[in-house]
Amino acid sequence: MSKKNNNLTDEQYRITQKHGTEAPFTGAYWDKKDDGLYNCICCNVTLFSSEAKFESNSGWPSFFKPFSEDVVGKSLDNSFLMQRTEVHCSNCEAHLGHVFPDGPLPTGLRYCINSASLNFVNKKFSK
């Protein structure tokens, strides 16, 4: 894991470097509907697109797939007496959140991501 980035807030550092979680319905992006890209707050790699974002009613931004398969890594998380799959930025290893097998088609996955691990960039997409 990388050393403290002085550009991160305490909350961003706690989540991305210490594997923290923000409270549901409190992050900046859980209900964001704008077109754009969600980049890693630590290294600015594009992780998710608004085209893959959906309302999961979980209180966190949720996506059914990453921007590309190689930008998000996975590892087993056995904390809090449960087994989950943690997701992290493949470039800098920042903790992003978790992925669950209860998302919509076409993937059936729900990437449940902390807003504090993301930076949103507005972008219009051609339909």
N, C-alpha and C. Protein backbone atom coordinates (compact mmCIF):
# COMPACT_ATOMS: atom_id res chain seq x y z
N MET A 1 0.84 -1.18 0.00
CA MET A 1 0.00 0.00 0.00
C MET A 1 0.89 1.24 0.00
N SER A 2 0.45 2.25 -0.68
CA SER A 2 1.28 3.44 -0.80
C SER A 2 1.31 4.24 0.50
N LYS A 3 2.31 5.09 0.63
CA LYS A 3 2.43 5.95 1.81
C LYS A 3 1.41 7.07 1.72
N LYS A 4 1.20 7.77 2.82
CA LYS A 4 0.20 8.84 2.85
C LYS A 4 0.46 9.87 1.78
N ASN A 5 -0.57 10.09 0.99
CA ASN A 5 -0.56 11.10 -0.06
C ASN A 5 -1.09 12.37 0.58
N ASN A 6 -0.30 13.42 0.61
CA ASN A 6 -0.72 14.65 1.28
C ASN A 6 -1.90 15.34 0.60
N ASN A 7 -2.25 14.91 -0.60
CA ASN A 7 -3.40 15.48 -1.29
C ASN A 7 -4.71 14.83 -0.87
N LEU A 8 -4.66 13.74 -0.12
CA LEU A 8 -5.87 13.06 0.33
C LEU A 8 -6.39 13.66 1.62
N THR A 9 -7.71 13.73 1.74
CA THR A 9 -8.29 14.11 3.02
C THR A 9 -8.10 12.95 3.99
N ASP A 10 -8.33 13.19 5.26
CA ASP A 10 -8.23 12.11 6.25
C ASP A 10 -9.19 10.96 5.90
N GLU A 11 -10.39 11.29 5.46
CA GLU A 11 -11.38 10.28 5.09
C GLU A 11 -10.94 9.49 3.86
N GLN A 12 -10.43 10.15 2.85
CA GLN A 12 -9.94 9.45 1.66
C GLN A 12 -8.77 8.53 2.02
N TYR A 13 -7.89 8.99 2.87
CA TYR A 13 -6.76 8.17 3.31
C TYR A 13 -7.25 6.96 4.10
N ARG A 14 -8.17 7.17 5.02
CA ARG A 14 -8.72 6.06 5.84
C ARG A 14 -9.34 4.99 4.95
N ILE A 15 -10.06 5.41 3.94
CA ILE A 15 -10.74 4.44 3.08
C ILE A 15 -9.78 3.78 2.11
N THR A 16 -8.98 4.55 1.39
CA THR A 16 -8.13 3.97 0.34
C THR A 16 -6.89 3.25 0.86
N GLN A 17 -6.35 3.70 1.98
CA GLN A 17 -5.10 3.12 2.48
C GLN A 17 -5.28 2.21 3.68
N LYS A 18 -6.36 2.39 4.41
CA LYS A 18 -6.61 1.60 5.63
C LYS A 18 -7.82 0.69 5.49
N HIS A 19 -8.34 0.57 4.26
CA HIS A 19 -9.47 -0.32 3.96
C HIS A 19 -10.74 0.04 4.72
N GLY A 20 -10.97 1.32 4.86
CA GLY A 20 -12.16 1.79 5.55
C GLY A 20 -13.38 1.78 4.65
N THR A 21 -14.51 2.15 5.25
CA THR A 21 -15.78 2.24 4.52
C THR A 21 -16.50 3.48 5.00
N GLU A 22 -17.06 4.23 4.06
CA GLU A 22 -17.88 5.38 4.44
C GLU A 22 -19.28 4.90 4.80
N ALA A 23 -19.98 5.67 5.60
CA ALA A 23 -21.36 5.32 5.96
C ALA A 23 -22.24 5.39 4.72
N PRO A 24 -23.25 4.51 4.62
CA PRO A 24 -24.13 4.56 3.45
C PRO A 24 -24.87 5.88 3.36
N PHE A 25 -25.17 6.28 2.13
CA PHE A 25 -25.92 7.49 1.82
C PHE A 25 -25.22 8.79 2.26
N THR A 26 -23.90 8.74 2.46
CA THR A 26 -23.16 9.93 2.87
C THR A 26 -22.14 10.39 1.85
N GLY A 27 -21.72 9.53 0.95
CA GLY A 27 -20.69 9.86 -0.03
C GLY A 27 -21.22 10.79 -1.11
N ALA A 28 -20.29 11.43 -1.79
CA ALA A 28 -20.64 12.43 -2.81
C ALA A 28 -21.31 11.83 -4.04
N TYR A 29 -21.11 10.54 -4.32
CA TYR A 29 -21.54 10.00 -5.61
C TYR A 29 -22.61 8.92 -5.56
N TRP A 30 -23.12 8.56 -4.39
CA TRP A 30 -24.06 7.45 -4.32
C TRP A 30 -25.31 7.69 -5.16
N ASP A 31 -25.74 8.96 -5.30
CA ASP A 31 -26.94 9.25 -6.09
C ASP A 31 -26.65 10.14 -7.30
N LYS A 32 -25.40 10.25 -7.69
CA LYS A 32 -25.02 11.08 -8.85
C LYS A 32 -25.53 10.46 -10.13
N LYS A 33 -26.13 11.28 -10.98
CA LYS A 33 -26.71 10.78 -12.23
C LYS A 33 -26.03 11.36 -13.48
N ASP A 34 -25.05 12.23 -13.32
CA ASP A 34 -24.39 12.87 -14.46
C ASP A 34 -23.57 11.86 -15.27
N ASP A 35 -23.41 12.16 -16.56
CA ASP A 35 -22.54 11.37 -17.42
C ASP A 35 -21.09 11.71 -17.11
N GLY A 36 -20.28 10.68 -17.01
CA GLY A 36 -18.87 10.93 -16.78
C GLY A 36 -18.09 9.70 -16.39
N LEU A 37 -16.88 9.94 -15.95
CA LEU A 37 -15.95 8.88 -15.57
C LEU A 37 -15.59 9.02 -14.10
N TYR A 38 -15.41 7.90 -13.45
CA TYR A 38 -15.02 7.85 -12.05
C TYR A 38 -13.58 7.35 -11.99
N ASN A 39 -12.68 8.24 -11.58
CA ASN A 39 -11.25 7.94 -11.52
C ASN A 39 -10.82 7.65 -10.09
N CYS A 40 -9.70 6.95 -9.97
CA CYS A 40 -9.11 6.69 -8.66
C CYS A 40 -8.67 8.01 -8.04
N ILE A 41 -9.04 8.25 -6.81
CA ILE A 41 -8.69 9.49 -6.11
C ILE A 41 -7.18 9.57 -5.87
N CYS A 42 -6.49 8.43 -5.84
CA CYS A 42 -5.06 8.42 -5.55
C CYS A 42 -4.18 8.58 -6.79
N CYS A 43 -4.54 7.92 -7.90
CA CYS A 43 -3.64 7.93 -9.06
C CYS A 43 -4.31 8.41 -10.35
N ASN A 44 -5.60 8.70 -10.30
CA ASN A 44 -6.37 9.26 -11.41
C ASN A 44 -6.63 8.30 -12.57
N VAL A 45 -6.40 7.01 -12.40
CA VAL A 45 -6.75 6.03 -13.43
C VAL A 45 -8.28 5.92 -13.50
N THR A 46 -8.83 5.85 -14.71
CA THR A 46 -10.27 5.68 -14.86
C THR A 46 -10.66 4.28 -14.44
N LEU A 47 -11.60 4.20 -13.48
CA LEU A 47 -12.03 2.92 -12.92
C LEU A 47 -13.42 2.50 -13.38
N PHE A 48 -14.35 3.46 -13.45
CA PHE A 48 -15.74 3.16 -13.80
C PHE A 48 -16.30 4.28 -14.66
N SER A 49 -17.34 3.94 -15.43
CA SER A 49 -18.06 4.91 -16.25
C SER A 49 -19.49 5.01 -15.74
N SER A 50 -20.08 6.19 -15.90
CA SER A 50 -21.49 6.36 -15.52
C SER A 50 -22.39 5.44 -16.35
N GLU A 51 -21.92 5.00 -17.51
CA GLU A 51 -22.70 4.09 -18.34
C GLU A 51 -22.91 2.73 -17.67
N ALA A 52 -22.07 2.38 -16.70
CA ALA A 52 -22.20 1.12 -15.97
C ALA A 52 -22.73 1.33 -14.55
N LYS A 53 -23.13 2.55 -14.22
CA LYS A 53 -23.63 2.86 -12.87
C LYS A 53 -25.12 2.54 -12.81
N PHE A 54 -25.57 2.05 -11.67
CA PHE A 54 -26.99 1.76 -11.48
C PHE A 54 -27.37 2.03 -10.03
N GLU A 55 -28.66 2.20 -9.79
CA GLU A 55 -29.16 2.45 -8.44
C GLU A 55 -29.37 1.12 -7.74
N SER A 56 -28.55 0.86 -6.74
CA SER A 56 -28.63 -0.41 -6.01
C SER A 56 -29.39 -0.28 -4.70
N ASN A 57 -29.72 0.95 -4.32
CA ASN A 57 -30.37 1.23 -3.03
C ASN A 57 -29.52 0.80 -1.84
N SER A 58 -28.21 0.73 -2.05
CA SER A 58 -27.30 0.32 -0.97
C SER A 58 -26.71 1.53 -0.23
N GLY A 59 -26.75 2.71 -0.87
CA GLY A 59 -26.17 3.90 -0.26
C GLY A 59 -24.76 4.20 -0.72
N TRP A 60 -24.23 3.36 -1.61
CA TRP A 60 -22.91 3.58 -2.20
C TRP A 60 -23.04 3.59 -3.72
N PRO A 61 -22.13 4.27 -4.42
CA PRO A 61 -22.15 4.18 -5.88
C PRO A 61 -21.96 2.72 -6.29
N SER A 62 -22.79 2.27 -7.21
CA SER A 62 -22.73 0.87 -7.66
C SER A 62 -22.61 0.80 -9.16
N PHE A 63 -21.77 -0.11 -9.62
CA PHE A 63 -21.49 -0.29 -11.04
C PHE A 63 -21.56 -1.78 -11.37
N PHE A 64 -22.01 -2.14 -12.59
CA PHE A 64 -22.07 -3.55 -12.95
C PHE A 64 -20.80 -4.05 -13.63
N LYS A 65 -19.88 -3.11 -13.94
CA LYS A 65 -18.58 -3.52 -14.49
C LYS A 65 -17.60 -2.36 -14.36
N PRO A 66 -16.30 -2.66 -14.29
CA PRO A 66 -15.28 -1.61 -14.31
C PRO A 66 -15.11 -1.06 -15.72
N PHE A 67 -14.39 0.05 -15.83
CA PHE A 67 -14.14 0.68 -17.12
C PHE A 67 -13.46 -0.29 -18.08
N SER A 68 -12.48 -1.02 -17.59
CA SER A 68 -11.87 -2.13 -18.32
C SER A 68 -11.47 -3.18 -17.29
N GLU A 69 -11.35 -4.40 -17.72
CA GLU A 69 -11.11 -5.52 -16.79
C GLU A 69 -9.79 -5.41 -16.03
N ASP A 70 -8.81 -4.71 -16.58
CA ASP A 70 -7.50 -4.68 -15.94
C ASP A 70 -7.30 -3.53 -14.95
N VAL A 71 -8.29 -2.65 -14.76
CA VAL A 71 -8.10 -1.50 -13.87
C VAL A 71 -8.49 -1.78 -12.42
N VAL A 72 -9.23 -2.86 -12.19
CA VAL A 72 -9.68 -3.18 -10.83
C VAL A 72 -9.20 -4.58 -10.47
N GLY A 73 -8.50 -4.68 -9.35
CA GLY A 73 -8.05 -5.96 -8.84
C GLY A 73 -8.97 -6.45 -7.74
N LYS A 74 -8.91 -7.73 -7.44
CA LYS A 74 -9.76 -8.34 -6.42
C LYS A 74 -8.93 -9.14 -5.44
N SER A 75 -9.39 -9.19 -4.20
CA SER A 75 -8.76 -10.03 -3.19
C SER A 75 -9.80 -10.43 -2.17
N LEU A 76 -9.54 -11.51 -1.46
CA LEU A 76 -10.45 -12.02 -0.46
C LEU A 76 -10.38 -11.17 0.80
N ASP A 77 -11.53 -10.81 1.35
CA ASP A 77 -11.63 -10.01 2.58
C ASP A 77 -12.43 -10.80 3.59
N ASN A 78 -11.78 -11.22 4.67
CA ASN A 78 -12.44 -12.00 5.72
C ASN A 78 -12.72 -11.18 6.98
N SER A 79 -12.75 -9.85 6.86
CA SER A 79 -12.98 -9.01 8.04
C SER A 79 -14.45 -9.02 8.45
N PHE A 80 -14.71 -8.61 9.66
CA PHE A 80 -16.06 -8.47 10.20
C PHE A 80 -16.86 -9.78 10.18
N LEU A 81 -16.16 -10.91 10.37
CA LEU A 81 -16.78 -12.22 10.46
C LEU A 81 -17.60 -12.59 9.23
N MET A 82 -17.17 -12.10 8.06
CA MET A 82 -17.82 -12.47 6.81
C MET A 82 -16.77 -12.57 5.72
N GLN A 83 -17.14 -13.24 4.63
CA GLN A 83 -16.22 -13.37 3.51
C GLN A 83 -16.77 -12.55 2.35
N ARG A 84 -15.94 -11.60 1.89
CA ARG A 84 -16.33 -10.73 0.78
C ARG A 84 -15.15 -10.64 -0.19
N THR A 85 -15.43 -10.08 -1.35
CA THR A 85 -14.38 -9.83 -2.33
C THR A 85 -14.10 -8.34 -2.38
N GLU A 86 -12.92 -7.97 -1.92
CA GLU A 86 -12.50 -6.57 -1.94
C GLU A 86 -12.05 -6.21 -3.35
N VAL A 87 -12.29 -4.95 -3.74
CA VAL A 87 -11.76 -4.45 -5.01
C VAL A 87 -10.83 -3.28 -4.73
N HIS A 88 -9.76 -3.21 -5.51
CA HIS A 88 -8.77 -2.15 -5.36
C HIS A 88 -8.30 -1.71 -6.74
N CYS A 89 -7.73 -0.53 -6.79
CA CYS A 89 -7.15 -0.01 -8.02
C CYS A 89 -5.94 -0.87 -8.39
N SER A 90 -5.92 -1.39 -9.60
CA SER A 90 -4.79 -2.23 -10.03
C SER A 90 -3.51 -1.42 -10.17
N ASN A 91 -3.62 -0.14 -10.41
CA ASN A 91 -2.44 0.70 -10.60
C ASN A 91 -1.74 1.04 -9.28
N CYS A 92 -2.51 1.49 -8.28
CA CYS A 92 -1.87 1.95 -7.03
C CYS A 92 -2.30 1.16 -5.79
N GLU A 93 -3.19 0.19 -5.96
CA GLU A 93 -3.68 -0.68 -4.89
C GLU A 93 -4.58 0.02 -3.88
N ALA A 94 -5.10 1.19 -4.19
CA ALA A 94 -6.03 1.87 -3.28
C ALA A 94 -7.28 1.03 -3.11
N HIS A 95 -7.74 0.89 -1.87
CA HIS A 95 -8.98 0.17 -1.57
C HIS A 95 -10.15 0.98 -2.12
N LEU A 96 -11.05 0.32 -2.85
CA LEU A 96 -12.21 0.98 -3.44
C LEU A 96 -13.52 0.58 -2.77
N GLY A 97 -13.66 -0.68 -2.46
CA GLY A 97 -14.92 -1.20 -1.90
C GLY A 97 -14.95 -2.71 -2.07
N HIS A 98 -16.14 -3.23 -2.45
CA HIS A 98 -16.31 -4.68 -2.60
C HIS A 98 -17.17 -4.96 -3.83
N VAL A 99 -17.10 -6.19 -4.32
CA VAL A 99 -17.95 -6.61 -5.42
C VAL A 99 -18.80 -7.80 -4.94
N PHE A 100 -20.08 -7.78 -5.32
CA PHE A 100 -21.04 -8.79 -4.90
C PHE A 100 -21.74 -9.38 -6.12
N PRO A 101 -22.21 -10.63 -6.03
CA PRO A 101 -22.84 -11.30 -7.18
C PRO A 101 -24.35 -11.03 -7.26
N ASP A 102 -24.79 -9.84 -6.91
CA ASP A 102 -26.23 -9.55 -6.91
C ASP A 102 -26.58 -8.32 -7.76
N GLY A 103 -25.79 -8.08 -8.79
CA GLY A 103 -26.01 -6.92 -9.65
C GLY A 103 -26.88 -7.25 -10.85
N PRO A 104 -27.12 -6.26 -11.68
CA PRO A 104 -27.97 -6.45 -12.86
C PRO A 104 -27.21 -7.10 -14.02
N LEU A 105 -27.95 -7.53 -15.01
CA LEU A 105 -27.35 -8.00 -16.26
C LEU A 105 -26.69 -6.81 -16.95
N PRO A 106 -25.67 -6.96 -17.70
CA PRO A 106 -25.24 -8.22 -18.28
C PRO A 106 -24.24 -9.00 -17.42
N THR A 107 -23.68 -8.41 -16.37
CA THR A 107 -22.63 -9.11 -15.61
C THR A 107 -23.15 -9.83 -14.37
N GLY A 108 -24.25 -9.34 -13.80
CA GLY A 108 -24.74 -9.90 -12.55
C GLY A 108 -23.91 -9.47 -11.35
N LEU A 109 -23.02 -8.50 -11.55
CA LEU A 109 -22.14 -8.04 -10.47
C LEU A 109 -22.55 -6.66 -9.98
N ARG A 110 -22.25 -6.41 -8.70
CA ARG A 110 -22.46 -5.09 -8.11
C ARG A 110 -21.16 -4.66 -7.45
N TYR A 111 -20.44 -3.75 -8.12
CA TYR A 111 -19.25 -3.15 -7.54
C TYR A 111 -19.74 -2.03 -6.64
N CYS A 112 -19.65 -2.25 -5.35
CA CYS A 112 -20.12 -1.31 -4.33
C CYS A 112 -18.91 -0.50 -3.87
N ILE A 113 -18.84 0.77 -4.30
CA ILE A 113 -17.60 1.54 -4.21
C ILE A 113 -17.78 2.75 -3.29
N ASN A 114 -16.78 3.03 -2.49
CA ASN A 114 -16.79 4.21 -1.63
C ASN A 114 -16.59 5.47 -2.47
N SER A 115 -17.45 6.46 -2.30
CA SER A 115 -17.29 7.73 -3.02
C SER A 115 -15.93 8.36 -2.74
N ALA A 116 -15.44 8.21 -1.51
CA ALA A 116 -14.18 8.84 -1.12
C ALA A 116 -12.98 8.28 -1.87
N SER A 117 -13.14 7.14 -2.53
CA SER A 117 -12.04 6.56 -3.31
C SER A 117 -12.07 7.02 -4.77
N LEU A 118 -13.06 7.85 -5.11
CA LEU A 118 -13.27 8.25 -6.50
C LEU A 118 -13.18 9.75 -6.71
N ASN A 119 -12.89 10.12 -7.94
CA ASN A 119 -12.96 11.50 -8.40
C ASN A 119 -13.78 11.48 -9.68
N PHE A 120 -14.88 12.22 -9.72
CA PHE A 120 -15.76 12.23 -10.88
C PHE A 120 -15.33 13.29 -11.89
N VAL A 121 -15.33 12.91 -13.18
CA VAL A 121 -15.01 13.83 -14.26
C VAL A 121 -16.19 13.84 -15.22
N ASN A 122 -16.82 15.01 -15.40
CA ASN A 122 -17.95 15.13 -16.32
C ASN A 122 -17.52 14.80 -17.74
N LYS A 123 -18.37 14.05 -18.44
CA LYS A 123 -18.10 13.73 -19.83
C LYS A 123 -19.41 13.34 -20.48
N LYS A 124 -19.70 13.92 -21.61
CA LYS A 124 -20.89 13.55 -22.37
C LYS A 124 -20.57 12.36 -23.26
N PHE A 125 -21.48 11.39 -23.28
CA PHE A 125 -21.29 10.21 -24.11
C PHE A 125 -22.24 10.26 -25.29
N SER A 126 -21.79 9.82 -26.45
CA SER A 126 -22.65 9.73 -27.63
C SER A 126 -23.53 8.51 -27.47
N LYS A 127 -24.77 8.67 -27.73
CA LYS A 127 -25.71 7.55 -27.60
C LYS A 127 -25.95 6.91 -28.95
